[in-house]
Amino acid sequence: MPDLQNWPTARLLSTAARLVEHAWNEKLASLGLTHAGVIALEVLDAEGALAQAQLAAKVRVQAQTMGKTLSRLEAHGHITRVRSQSDRRSQLVSISDLGKQALESSRELERNLTPGGDAGADDLRDRLASVIRRLGTSRWGGAVPEPMELAGNEGLSDHG
């Protein structure tokens, strides 16, 4: 094992983030979910039915990437898609009851993922949110969500 005491903070953060993401994705797979799918479900649960393009914009991914995520969610019964009555070219996406159950299960998995639970987590969360706001502004352009809007999942990558 490398001497972690000598690692720069950025390397510790990056490595920890990758390890947490891998562990979480392994657990999510048992629910038929991915990290990207959870974030899409969170937005749909909070905001109701949205067009695919609106959903993609809200989670800051390309519409094509969102389409792949939605196809996986639909295959597992976590969402429904219906043609929009006002614009027949677009589909309205909604979270299903099964999707709501899977989302709640994913939240429980996430709460129990890291050793020590939430012990001392408030300071760490504040610092991480600060890093995300500072670095996210240039990466994502415009305003970066405040910590409460992040809902514990700070963004969605295009890999997922």
C-alpha atoms as a PDB file:
ATOM      1  CA  MET A   1       0.000   0.000   0.000  1.00  0.00           C
ATOM      2  CA  PRO A   2       1.440   3.413  -0.886  1.00  0.00           C
ATOM      3  CA  ASP A   3       2.134   5.919   1.864  1.00  0.00           C
ATOM      4  CA  LEU A   4      -1.133   7.857   1.733  1.00  0.00           C
ATOM      5  CA  GLN A   5       0.173  10.421   4.235  1.00  0.00           C
ATOM      6  CA  ASN A   6       2.474  11.783   1.536  1.00  0.00           C
ATOM      7  CA  TRP A   7      -0.137  12.031  -1.206  1.00  0.00           C
ATOM      8  CA  PRO A   8      -1.386  15.476  -2.216  1.00  0.00           C
ATOM      9  CA  THR A   9      -5.009  16.208  -1.276  1.00  0.00           C
ATOM     10  CA  ALA A  10      -6.128  16.216  -4.933  1.00  0.00           C
ATOM     11  CA  ARG A  11      -4.797  12.670  -5.452  1.00  0.00           C
ATOM     12  CA  LEU A  12      -6.464  11.463  -2.249  1.00  0.00           C
ATOM     13  CA  LEU A  13      -9.757  13.047  -3.337  1.00  0.00           C
ATOM     14  CA  SER A  14      -9.570  11.633  -6.858  1.00  0.00           C
ATOM     15  CA  THR A  15      -8.692   8.130  -5.674  1.00  0.00           C
ATOM     16  CA  ALA A  16     -11.349   8.134  -2.958  1.00  0.00           C
ATOM     17  CA  ALA A  17     -13.955   9.367  -5.438  1.00  0.00           C
ATOM     18  CA  ARG A  18     -13.138   6.597  -7.920  1.00  0.00           C
ATOM     19  CA  LEU A  19     -13.235   3.925  -5.208  1.00  0.00           C
ATOM     20  CA  VAL A  20     -16.563   5.182  -3.860  1.00  0.00           C
ATOM     21  CA  GLU A  21     -18.017   5.360  -7.372  1.00  0.00           C
ATOM     22  CA  HIS A  22     -16.906   1.801  -8.195  1.00  0.00           C
ATOM     23  CA  ALA A  23     -18.291   0.430  -4.920  1.00  0.00           C
ATOM     24  CA  TRP A  24     -21.555   2.325  -5.373  1.00  0.00           C
ATOM     25  CA  ASN A  25     -21.946   1.202  -8.992  1.00  0.00           C
ATOM     26  CA  GLU A  26     -21.467  -2.427  -7.953  1.00  0.00           C
ATOM     27  CA  LYS A  27     -24.263  -2.072  -5.400  1.00  0.00           C
ATOM     28  CA  LEU A  28     -26.502  -0.133  -7.808  1.00  0.00           C
ATOM     29  CA  ALA A  29     -26.179  -2.883 -10.397  1.00  0.00           C
ATOM     30  CA  SER A  30     -28.154  -5.162  -8.069  1.00  0.00           C
ATOM     31  CA  LEU A  31     -31.049  -2.691  -8.437  1.00  0.00           C
ATOM     32  CA  GLY A  32     -30.675  -2.411 -12.213  1.00  0.00           C
ATOM     33  CA  LEU A  33     -29.302   1.125 -11.817  1.00  0.00           C
ATOM     34  CA  THR A  34     -26.208   3.142 -12.632  1.00  0.00           C
ATOM     35  CA  HIS A  35     -24.961   6.404 -11.147  1.00  0.00           C
ATOM     36  CA  ALA A  36     -26.350   8.228 -14.183  1.00  0.00           C
ATOM     37  CA  GLY A  37     -29.685   6.467 -13.806  1.00  0.00           C
ATOM     38  CA  VAL A  38     -29.997   7.488 -10.161  1.00  0.00           C
ATOM     39  CA  ILE A  39     -29.429  11.134 -11.018  1.00  0.00           C
ATOM     40  CA  ALA A  40     -32.020  11.001 -13.800  1.00  0.00           C
ATOM     41  CA  LEU A  41     -34.513   9.366 -11.418  1.00  0.00           C
ATOM     42  CA  GLU A  42     -33.832  12.021  -8.760  1.00  0.00           C
ATOM     43  CA  VAL A  43     -34.655  14.813 -11.217  1.00  0.00           C
ATOM     44  CA  LEU A  44     -37.800  13.046 -12.457  1.00  0.00           C
ATOM     45  CA  ASP A  45     -38.909  12.347  -8.891  1.00  0.00           C
ATOM     46  CA  ALA A  46     -38.424  15.990  -7.907  1.00  0.00           C
ATOM     47  CA  GLU A  47     -39.787  17.674 -11.031  1.00  0.00           C
ATOM     48  CA  GLY A  48     -42.258  15.269 -12.589  1.00  0.00           C
ATOM     49  CA  ALA A  49     -42.473  14.325 -16.260  1.00  0.00           C
ATOM     50  CA  LEU A  50     -39.959  16.008 -18.550  1.00  0.00           C
ATOM     51  CA  ALA A  51     -39.007  15.810 -22.190  1.00  0.00           C
ATOM     52  CA  GLN A  52     -35.773  13.894 -22.743  1.00  0.00           C
ATOM     53  CA  ALA A  53     -33.972  17.055 -23.902  1.00  0.00           C
ATOM     54  CA  GLN A  54     -35.104  18.951 -20.777  1.00  0.00           C
ATOM     55  CA  LEU A  55     -33.917  16.140 -18.541  1.00  0.00           C
ATOM     56  CA  ALA A  56     -30.554  16.012 -20.320  1.00  0.00           C
ATOM     57  CA  ALA A  57     -30.120  19.763 -19.881  1.00  0.00           C
ATOM     58  CA  LYS A  58     -30.972  19.598 -16.174  1.00  0.00           C
ATOM     59  CA  VAL A  59     -28.340  16.951 -15.511  1.00  0.00           C
ATOM     60  CA  ARG A  60     -25.849  18.523 -17.929  1.00  0.00           C
ATOM     61  CA  VAL A  61     -25.340  15.725 -20.414  1.00  0.00           C
ATOM     62  CA  GLN A  62     -25.924  15.399 -24.145  1.00  0.00           C
ATOM     63  CA  ALA A  63     -29.395  14.254 -25.233  1.00  0.00           C
ATOM     64  CA  GLN A  64     -27.832  11.152 -26.834  1.00  0.00           C
ATOM     65  CA  THR A  65     -26.169  10.206 -23.535  1.00  0.00           C
ATOM     66  CA  MET A  66     -29.470  10.691 -21.736  1.00  0.00           C
ATOM     67  CA  GLY A  67     -31.180   8.477 -24.310  1.00  0.00           C
ATOM     68  CA  LYS A  68     -28.851   5.588 -23.445  1.00  0.00           C
ATOM     69  CA  THR A  69     -29.459   6.083 -19.734  1.00  0.00           C
ATOM     70  CA  LEU A  70     -33.227   6.213 -20.258  1.00  0.00           C
ATOM     71  CA  SER A  71     -33.185   3.054 -22.367  1.00  0.00           C
ATOM     72  CA  ARG A  72     -31.565   1.165 -19.481  1.00  0.00           C
ATOM     73  CA  LEU A  73     -34.023   2.647 -16.983  1.00  0.00           C
ATOM     74  CA  GLU A  74     -36.968   1.755 -19.202  1.00  0.00           C
ATOM     75  CA  ALA A  75     -35.724  -1.820 -19.672  1.00  0.00           C
ATOM     76  CA  HIS A  76     -35.772  -2.249 -15.880  1.00  0.00           C
ATOM     77  CA  GLY A  77     -39.198  -0.631 -15.521  1.00  0.00           C
ATOM     78  CA  HIS A  78     -37.879   2.422 -13.659  1.00  0.00           C
ATOM     79  CA  ILE A  79     -39.334   4.973 -16.089  1.00  0.00           C
ATOM     80  CA  THR A  80     -42.058   5.308 -18.683  1.00  0.00           C
ATOM     81  CA  ARG A  81     -41.857   7.273 -21.914  1.00  0.00           C
ATOM     82  CA  VAL A  82     -44.871   8.539 -23.833  1.00  0.00           C
ATOM     83  CA  ARG A  83     -45.159  10.779 -26.873  1.00  0.00           C
ATOM     84  CA  SER A  84     -45.790  14.403 -26.025  1.00  0.00           C
ATOM     85  CA  GLN A  85     -49.252  15.556 -27.070  1.00  0.00           C
ATOM     86  CA  SER A  86     -47.961  19.057 -27.850  1.00  0.00           C
ATOM     87  CA  ASP A  87     -44.862  17.940 -29.809  1.00  0.00           C
ATOM     88  CA  ARG A  88     -45.149  14.480 -31.328  1.00  0.00           C
ATOM     89  CA  ARG A  89     -41.382  14.444 -31.977  1.00  0.00           C
ATOM     90  CA  SER A  90     -40.542  14.387 -28.269  1.00  0.00           C
ATOM     91  CA  GLN A  91     -41.259  11.960 -25.483  1.00  0.00           C
ATOM     92  CA  LEU A  92     -42.226  12.768 -21.925  1.00  0.00           C
ATOM     93  CA  VAL A  93     -40.277  10.750 -19.389  1.00  0.00           C
ATOM     94  CA  SER A  94     -41.757   9.878 -15.977  1.00  0.00           C
ATOM     95  CA  ILE A  95     -40.476   7.891 -13.024  1.00  0.00           C
ATOM     96  CA  SER A  96     -42.506   4.725 -12.374  1.00  0.00           C
ATOM     97  CA  ASP A  97     -43.505   3.315  -8.996  1.00  0.00           C
ATOM     98  CA  LEU A  98     -40.763   0.707  -9.427  1.00  0.00           C
ATOM     99  CA  GLY A  99     -38.355   3.549 -10.204  1.00  0.00           C
ATOM    100  CA  LYS A 100     -39.341   5.344  -6.989  1.00  0.00           C
ATOM    101  CA  GLN A 101     -38.691   2.165  -5.007  1.00  0.00           C
ATOM    102  CA  ALA A 102     -35.320   1.670  -6.707  1.00  0.00           C
ATOM    103  CA  LEU A 103     -34.420   5.321  -6.042  1.00  0.00           C
ATOM    104  CA  GLU A 104     -35.174   4.951  -2.339  1.00  0.00           C
ATOM    105  CA  SER A 105     -33.132   1.747  -2.209  1.00  0.00           C
ATOM    106  CA  SER A 106     -30.241   3.512  -3.946  1.00  0.00           C
ATOM    107  CA  ARG A 107     -30.371   6.314  -1.382  1.00  0.00           C
ATOM    108  CA  GLU A 108     -30.133   3.763   1.424  1.00  0.00           C
ATOM    109  CA  LEU A 109     -27.187   2.060  -0.294  1.00  0.00           C
ATOM    110  CA  GLU A 110     -25.458   5.399  -0.690  1.00  0.00           C
ATOM    111  CA  ARG A 111     -25.999   6.377   2.954  1.00  0.00           C
ATOM    112  CA  ASN A 112     -24.342   3.145   4.080  1.00  0.00           C
ATOM    113  CA  LEU A 113     -21.561   3.033   1.486  1.00  0.00           C
ATOM    114  CA  THR A 114     -18.637   4.692   3.242  1.00  0.00           C
ATOM    115  CA  PRO A 115     -17.020   3.467   6.432  1.00  0.00           C
ATOM    116  CA  GLY A 116     -17.979   5.508   9.464  1.00  0.00           C
ATOM    117  CA  GLY A 117     -21.216   6.693   7.889  1.00  0.00           C
ATOM    118  CA  ASP A 118     -21.713  10.399   8.412  1.00  0.00           C
ATOM    119  CA  ALA A 119     -19.241  10.824  11.281  1.00  0.00           C
ATOM    120  CA  GLY A 120     -17.521  14.148  10.586  1.00  0.00           C
ATOM    121  CA  ALA A 121     -19.197  14.318   7.194  1.00  0.00           C
ATOM    122  CA  ASP A 122     -20.554  17.877   7.474  1.00  0.00           C
ATOM    123  CA  ASP A 123     -17.150  19.548   7.202  1.00  0.00           C
ATOM    124  CA  LEU A 124     -16.091  17.193   4.414  1.00  0.00           C
ATOM    125  CA  ARG A 125     -19.347  17.810   2.520  1.00  0.00           C
ATOM    126  CA  ASP A 126     -18.902  21.586   2.833  1.00  0.00           C
ATOM    127  CA  ARG A 127     -15.350  21.372   1.532  1.00  0.00           C
ATOM    128  CA  LEU A 128     -16.318  19.089  -1.347  1.00  0.00           C
ATOM    129  CA  ALA A 129     -19.212  21.366  -2.311  1.00  0.00           C
ATOM    130  CA  SER A 130     -16.785  24.293  -2.308  1.00  0.00           C
ATOM    131  CA  VAL A 131     -14.412  22.436  -4.651  1.00  0.00           C
ATOM    132  CA  ILE A 132     -17.313  21.546  -6.945  1.00  0.00           C
ATOM    133  CA  ARG A 133     -18.581  25.137  -7.063  1.00  0.00           C
ATOM    134  CA  ARG A 134     -15.106  26.542  -7.707  1.00  0.00           C
ATOM    135  CA  LEU A 135     -14.028  24.063 -10.379  1.00  0.00           C
ATOM    136  CA  GLY A 136     -17.485  23.336 -11.796  1.00  0.00           C
ATOM    137  CA  THR A 137     -18.156  26.909 -12.873  1.00  0.00           C
ATOM    138  CA  SER A 138     -15.462  26.816 -15.553  1.00  0.00           C
ATOM    139  CA  ARG A 139     -16.202  23.227 -16.563  1.00  0.00           C
ATOM    140  CA  TRP A 140     -19.993  23.482 -16.792  1.00  0.00           C
ATOM    141  CA  GLY A 141     -20.322  27.189 -17.497  1.00  0.00           C
ATOM    142  CA  GLY A 142     -22.677  29.465 -15.636  1.00  0.00           C
ATOM    143  CA  ALA A 143     -23.869  28.955 -12.113  1.00  0.00           C
ATOM    144  CA  VAL A 144     -23.085  25.771 -10.247  1.00  0.00           C
ATOM    145  CA  PRO A 145     -25.894  24.446  -8.022  1.00  0.00           C
ATOM    146  CA  GLU A 146     -25.762  25.312  -4.355  1.00  0.00           C
ATOM    147  CA  PRO A 147     -25.128  22.340  -2.036  1.00  0.00           C
ATOM    148  CA  MET A 148     -28.819  21.687  -1.289  1.00  0.00           C
ATOM    149  CA  GLU A 149     -29.557  21.344  -5.010  1.00  0.00           C
ATOM    150  CA  LEU A 150     -26.834  18.745  -5.433  1.00  0.00           C
ATOM    151  CA  ALA A 151     -28.913  16.151  -3.557  1.00  0.00           C
ATOM    152  CA  GLY A 152     -25.841  14.188  -2.581  1.00  0.00           C
ATOM    153  CA  ASN A 153     -24.894  13.405  -6.197  1.00  0.00           C
ATOM    154  CA  GLU A 154     -22.844  16.211  -7.560  1.00  0.00           C
ATOM    155  CA  GLY A 155     -23.499  16.013 -11.270  1.00  0.00           C
ATOM    156  CA  LEU A 156     -23.685  13.341 -13.901  1.00  0.00           C
ATOM    157  CA  SER A 157     -20.879  12.263 -16.148  1.00  0.00           C
ATOM    158  CA  ASP A 158     -21.321  11.307 -19.766  1.00  0.00           C
ATOM    159  CA  HIS A 159     -20.116   7.770 -19.085  1.00  0.00           C
ATOM    160  CA  GLY A 160     -23.173   6.592 -17.596  1.00  0.00           C
END
